[in-house]
Amino acid sequence: MPRSARRHRRFALFAQLMAVVVAVGAVVIVVAEGPGGRPEADRLAADEISSVPPPLVAAPLPPSADPSPSVSASPSAPAVLRLPGSVPSAGAGRFGYDDRSGPVLGRAGELRRYRVAVESGSAEDAVGFGRAVEAALAGPGSWVDSGRLRLQQVPGNAPRDFTVYLATARTAGRMCAAGGVDIRIGGRPYTSCRAPGQVIINLDRWRLSVPHYVSAGVPLSVYRTYVVNHEVGHQLGHRHERCPGAGRPAPVMMQQTLFLNGCRVNPWPYLDGRRYAGPGL
């Protein structure tokens, strides 16, 4: 091979060798560093971490929601502490019934049936009252949590063990007095009561709660749960109880409609699956 040809071939081989060296160096640099000079392994780890959702993930927007970031979420509505407007102080003295058959509440034990009645002229709906009573008695935390009692709502004309009435103050006062219970405070029927076979809820309390609940910001729904479980507790044979200590939950059989005596509001007879009670009167 002529000398000039050999010189040209050596130059070509050298050029190819240098190109390979440059390429390998570039690969090493890419592997060693990611964009911005950060180690690629660290970048990948960071990407993997950022792809893991946080512990609390907001639910996706429903199809009808506006996903625009310029639309701020509306604040949650404040709790209803008492209902506005006047409360009928007297009704017709006649009752209409929620004629639904409810589910059996509770796992085991004696089955006691109840019906739900609302006084005509009270401006309250029997079905709505029945649902609220059922929610209070279903728990968790209600009397059926004992495992020795079941409760079921039945229609108005069905055999029953007791009736839960929602009555205007005047009618409640008369019904309670007939059962031997005086519910007057300052001369006006104020509390609710239990008479034989009758759980009588005062419409004033059902709509307005009580001042110390309202001033503490306790929702009306909590008071309603309390008053149902308290009066049904009397129907089940439980007597009044006292506050077991300042700062502790009030027993459901404490007269929370009148006072708390340092206890905290509690609408349930069972807490954490165990019967919660205070000293007897």
Protein backbone atom coordinates (compact mmCIF):
# COMPACT_ATOMS: atom_id res chain seq x y z
CA MET A 1 0.00 0.00 0.00
CA PRO A 2 1.42 3.41 -0.88
CA ARG A 3 2.75 5.47 2.03
CA SER A 4 0.23 8.26 1.46
CA ALA A 5 -2.65 5.78 1.60
CA ARG A 6 -1.37 4.29 4.84
CA ARG A 7 -1.05 7.79 6.35
CA HIS A 8 -4.64 8.63 5.32
CA ARG A 9 -5.95 5.34 6.86
CA ARG A 10 -4.17 5.98 10.19
CA PHE A 11 -5.66 9.48 10.32
CA ALA A 12 -9.18 8.07 9.70
CA LEU A 13 -8.77 5.42 12.45
CA PHE A 14 -7.55 8.08 14.86
CA ALA A 15 -10.54 10.29 14.06
CA GLN A 16 -12.94 7.38 14.67
CA LEU A 17 -11.22 6.56 17.98
CA MET A 18 -11.52 10.14 19.17
CA ALA A 19 -15.23 10.18 18.23
CA VAL A 20 -15.81 7.05 20.33
CA VAL A 21 -14.00 8.57 23.31
CA VAL A 22 -16.07 11.75 23.08
CA ALA A 23 -19.32 9.74 22.84
CA VAL A 24 -18.43 7.59 25.86
CA GLY A 25 -17.61 10.70 27.88
CA ALA A 26 -20.97 12.21 27.02
CA VAL A 27 -22.76 9.07 28.14
CA VAL A 28 -20.86 9.10 31.44
CA ILE A 29 -21.81 12.72 32.00
CA VAL A 30 -25.50 12.04 31.25
CA VAL A 31 -25.57 9.09 33.65
CA ALA A 32 -23.75 10.96 36.36
CA GLU A 33 -25.82 14.13 36.18
CA GLY A 34 -29.36 14.90 35.30
CA PRO A 35 -30.74 18.24 34.22
CA GLY A 36 -29.31 21.12 36.21
CA GLY A 37 -26.31 19.13 37.37
CA ARG A 38 -28.36 17.03 39.87
CA PRO A 39 -27.43 13.33 40.11
CA GLU A 40 -29.83 11.38 37.92
CA ALA A 41 -30.44 8.72 40.58
CA ASP A 42 -31.55 11.45 43.00
CA ARG A 43 -33.83 12.98 40.35
CA LEU A 44 -35.52 9.65 39.72
CA ALA A 45 -35.99 9.07 43.45
CA ALA A 46 -37.50 12.52 43.82
CA ASP A 47 -39.83 11.87 40.88
CA GLU A 48 -40.94 8.59 42.44
CA ILE A 49 -41.60 10.29 45.81
CA SER A 50 -43.54 13.12 44.20
CA SER A 51 -45.76 10.59 42.42
CA VAL A 52 -46.95 9.11 45.75
CA PRO A 53 -50.23 10.80 46.84
CA PRO A 54 -50.25 12.56 50.21
CA PRO A 55 -51.91 10.78 53.14
CA LEU A 56 -55.10 12.78 52.71
CA VAL A 57 -56.20 13.13 49.12
CA ALA A 58 -59.12 15.36 48.18
CA ALA A 59 -61.93 13.54 46.45
CA PRO A 60 -62.14 14.23 42.70
CA LEU A 61 -64.56 16.89 41.64
CA PRO A 62 -67.95 15.61 40.52
CA PRO A 63 -68.63 16.02 36.78
CA SER A 64 -70.81 19.08 37.42
CA ALA A 65 -68.21 20.91 39.50
CA ASP A 66 -66.22 23.79 38.07
CA PRO A 67 -62.52 22.86 38.28
CA SER A 68 -61.37 26.43 37.66
CA PRO A 69 -58.81 27.51 40.31
CA SER A 70 -60.42 30.95 40.35
CA VAL A 71 -63.58 29.52 41.92
CA SER A 72 -63.09 29.23 45.69
CA ALA A 73 -64.94 26.51 47.62
CA SER A 74 -67.88 27.81 49.59
CA PRO A 75 -67.45 27.50 53.37
CA SER A 76 -69.44 24.79 55.08
CA ALA A 77 -72.78 25.91 56.43
CA PRO A 78 -72.81 26.66 60.18
CA ALA A 79 -74.50 24.17 62.45
CA VAL A 80 -78.17 24.77 63.18
CA LEU A 81 -78.48 25.50 66.91
CA ARG A 82 -82.20 26.24 66.99
CA LEU A 83 -84.91 26.75 64.40
CA PRO A 84 -86.08 30.26 63.58
CA GLY A 85 -89.65 31.45 63.83
CA SER A 86 -92.40 31.06 66.36
CA VAL A 87 -93.30 27.66 67.80
CA PRO A 88 -96.96 26.69 68.13
CA SER A 89 -97.72 26.59 71.85
CA ALA A 90 -100.90 24.54 71.43
CA GLY A 91 -102.20 22.10 68.87
CA ALA A 92 -105.36 20.21 68.13
CA GLY A 93 -104.72 17.52 70.73
CA ARG A 94 -104.95 14.91 67.96
CA PHE A 95 -102.02 12.99 66.55
CA GLY A 96 -101.03 11.72 63.14
CA TYR A 97 -98.71 8.72 62.82
CA ASP A 98 -95.71 7.81 60.74
CA ASP A 99 -97.07 4.65 59.18
CA ARG A 100 -93.76 3.26 57.98
CA SER A 101 -92.35 -0.01 59.28
CA GLY A 102 -88.75 0.59 60.29
CA PRO A 103 -85.78 -1.77 60.37
CA VAL A 104 -84.96 -3.76 63.47
CA LEU A 105 -82.35 -1.80 65.40
CA GLY A 106 -79.87 -3.86 67.40
CA ARG A 107 -78.17 -7.23 67.08
CA ALA A 108 -79.89 -9.37 69.68
CA GLY A 109 -82.18 -9.37 72.69
CA GLU A 110 -85.77 -8.54 73.43
CA LEU A 111 -87.61 -6.80 70.61
CA ARG A 112 -89.64 -3.78 71.66
CA ARG A 113 -91.83 -2.06 69.12
CA TYR A 114 -92.68 1.62 69.10
CA ARG A 115 -94.79 3.93 66.97
CA VAL A 116 -94.22 7.63 66.20
CA ALA A 117 -96.89 10.32 66.49
CA VAL A 118 -96.93 14.08 65.81
CA GLU A 119 -99.61 16.45 67.05
CA SER A 120 -101.81 18.09 64.43
CA GLY A 121 -101.15 21.83 64.35
CA SER A 122 -97.50 21.48 65.39
CA ALA A 123 -96.26 22.24 61.86
CA GLU A 124 -94.05 19.16 62.04
CA ASP A 125 -93.99 16.17 59.71
CA ALA A 126 -94.55 12.70 61.19
CA VAL A 127 -92.22 10.98 58.72
CA GLY A 128 -89.42 13.48 59.40
CA PHE A 129 -89.87 13.07 63.14
CA GLY A 130 -89.88 9.30 62.75
CA ARG A 131 -86.60 9.37 60.87
CA ALA A 132 -84.98 11.54 63.54
CA VAL A 133 -86.17 9.17 66.28
CA GLU A 134 -84.84 6.19 64.36
CA ALA A 135 -81.44 7.85 63.89
CA ALA A 136 -81.21 8.52 67.64
CA LEU A 137 -82.17 4.97 68.58
CA ALA A 138 -79.99 3.32 65.94
CA GLY A 139 -76.71 4.75 67.22
CA PRO A 140 -73.94 3.76 67.33
CA GLY A 141 -74.12 4.61 71.01
CA SER A 142 -77.84 4.06 71.58
CA TRP A 143 -79.58 1.66 73.96
CA VAL A 144 -79.45 -1.18 71.42
CA ASP A 145 -75.67 -1.30 71.80
CA SER A 146 -76.20 -3.40 74.92
CA GLY A 147 -76.75 -6.45 72.72
CA ARG A 148 -79.77 -7.31 74.90
CA LEU A 149 -82.33 -5.03 73.26
CA ARG A 150 -83.77 -4.49 69.81
CA LEU A 151 -86.12 -1.72 68.77
CA GLN A 152 -88.39 -1.35 65.76
CA GLN A 153 -90.79 1.31 64.57
CA VAL A 154 -94.22 0.03 63.55
CA PRO A 155 -97.22 1.73 61.92
CA GLY A 156 -99.68 3.64 64.04
CA ASN A 157 -102.30 0.90 64.20
CA ALA A 158 -99.88 -1.95 64.92
CA PRO A 159 -99.30 -3.58 68.32
CA ARG A 160 -96.55 -1.70 70.16
CA ASP A 161 -94.79 -1.41 73.49
CA PHE A 162 -94.69 2.39 73.58
CA THR A 163 -95.30 5.51 71.49
CA VAL A 164 -92.94 8.43 70.90
CA TYR A 165 -95.01 11.63 70.73
CA LEU A 166 -94.04 15.08 69.50
CA ALA A 167 -96.48 17.46 71.18
CA THR A 168 -96.90 21.21 71.63
CA ALA A 169 -95.97 22.55 75.07
CA ARG A 170 -99.55 22.76 76.28
CA THR A 171 -100.43 19.24 75.15
CA ALA A 172 -97.15 17.84 76.48
CA GLY A 173 -97.84 19.46 79.85
CA ARG A 174 -101.27 17.91 80.00
CA MET A 175 -100.10 14.44 78.92
CA CYS A 176 -97.16 14.45 81.33
CA ALA A 177 -99.36 15.63 84.22
CA ALA A 178 -101.76 12.78 83.49
CA GLY A 179 -98.78 10.44 83.88
CA GLY A 180 -97.75 12.02 87.18
CA VAL A 181 -94.93 14.22 85.86
CA ASP A 182 -94.82 18.02 86.20
CA ILE A 183 -92.70 19.45 83.38
CA ARG A 184 -93.29 23.12 84.17
CA ILE A 185 -90.48 25.62 84.70
CA GLY A 186 -91.63 29.10 85.64
CA GLY A 187 -95.22 28.02 85.20
CA ARG A 188 -94.79 26.90 81.57
CA PRO A 189 -94.40 23.33 80.30
CA TYR A 190 -90.68 23.24 79.58
CA THR A 191 -89.13 19.76 79.58
CA SER A 192 -90.13 16.51 77.95
CA CYS A 193 -91.17 13.43 79.92
CA ARG A 194 -92.07 9.80 79.98
CA ALA A 195 -95.46 8.54 81.11
CA PRO A 196 -96.45 4.86 81.12
CA GLY A 197 -96.12 3.67 77.52
CA GLN A 198 -95.55 7.24 76.32
CA VAL A 199 -92.34 9.06 75.45
CA ILE A 200 -93.47 12.69 75.15
CA ILE A 201 -91.15 15.19 73.43
CA ASN A 202 -91.96 18.86 73.97
CA LEU A 203 -92.13 20.73 70.64
CA ASP A 204 -90.47 23.79 72.21
CA ARG A 205 -87.37 21.76 73.03
CA TRP A 206 -87.44 19.93 69.69
CA ARG A 207 -87.28 23.21 67.79
CA LEU A 208 -85.38 25.48 70.17
CA SER A 209 -83.02 23.19 72.15
CA VAL A 210 -81.99 24.77 75.48
CA PRO A 211 -79.97 27.94 76.24
CA HIS A 212 -76.81 26.25 77.56
CA TYR A 213 -76.62 24.01 74.47
CA VAL A 214 -77.13 26.98 72.17
CA SER A 215 -74.57 29.20 73.95
CA ALA A 216 -72.03 26.37 73.72
CA GLY A 217 -72.64 26.01 69.97
CA VAL A 218 -74.06 22.48 70.28
CA PRO A 219 -76.06 21.58 67.15
CA LEU A 220 -79.80 21.10 67.52
CA SER A 221 -79.44 17.58 66.10
CA VAL A 222 -77.30 16.63 69.12
CA TYR A 223 -79.92 17.89 71.55
CA ARG A 224 -82.60 15.95 69.68
CA THR A 225 -80.55 12.77 69.91
CA TYR A 226 -80.07 13.37 73.62
CA VAL A 227 -83.73 14.02 74.44
CA VAL A 228 -84.93 10.93 72.56
CA ASN A 229 -82.38 8.65 74.23
CA HIS A 230 -83.05 10.23 77.65
CA GLU A 231 -86.82 9.77 77.56
CA VAL A 232 -86.64 6.34 75.94
CA GLY A 233 -84.17 5.47 78.70
CA HIS A 234 -86.92 6.22 81.23
CA GLN A 235 -89.25 3.97 79.25
CA LEU A 236 -86.63 1.23 79.52
CA GLY A 237 -86.52 1.64 83.31
CA HIS A 238 -83.52 3.93 83.82
CA ARG A 239 -83.58 6.71 86.43
CA HIS A 240 -81.86 10.07 86.56
CA GLU A 241 -78.11 10.20 87.11
CA ARG A 242 -75.63 12.88 88.17
CA CYS A 243 -72.49 14.32 86.59
CA PRO A 244 -69.57 11.99 87.46
CA GLY A 245 -67.02 14.80 87.46
CA ALA A 246 -66.20 18.16 85.93
CA GLY A 247 -65.11 17.90 82.33
CA ARG A 248 -66.42 14.38 81.88
CA PRO A 249 -69.24 13.47 79.48
CA ALA A 250 -72.68 13.90 80.96
CA PRO A 251 -74.60 10.62 81.36
CA VAL A 252 -77.54 10.47 78.99
CA MET A 253 -79.83 9.99 82.02
CA MET A 254 -78.60 13.25 83.53
CA GLN A 255 -81.13 16.10 83.19
CA GLN A 256 -79.12 17.89 80.53
CA THR A 257 -82.18 19.92 79.54
CA LEU A 258 -81.87 21.75 82.87
CA PHE A 259 -78.11 21.79 83.56
CA LEU A 260 -74.72 20.23 82.87
CA ASN A 261 -73.09 20.86 86.29
CA GLY A 262 -69.60 20.93 84.80
CA CYS A 263 -70.08 17.90 82.54
CA ARG A 264 -69.81 17.97 78.77
CA VAL A 265 -72.76 17.38 76.45
CA ASN A 266 -73.31 13.71 75.59
CA PRO A 267 -76.37 12.31 73.79
CA TRP A 268 -75.49 8.60 74.04
CA PRO A 269 -75.93 5.92 76.73
CA TYR A 270 -73.00 3.91 75.33
CA LEU A 271 -69.54 5.32 74.70
CA ASP A 272 -66.85 3.24 72.98
CA GLY A 273 -69.19 0.27 73.12
CA ARG A 274 -69.62 0.37 76.92
CA ARG A 275 -72.52 1.61 79.03
CA TYR A 276 -71.69 5.05 80.35
CA ALA A 277 -73.49 6.10 83.55
CA GLY A 278 -73.14 8.47 86.45
CA PRO A 279 -74.05 8.29 90.12
CA GLY A 280 -77.74 7.89 90.84
CA LEU A 281 -79.81 10.57 92.47
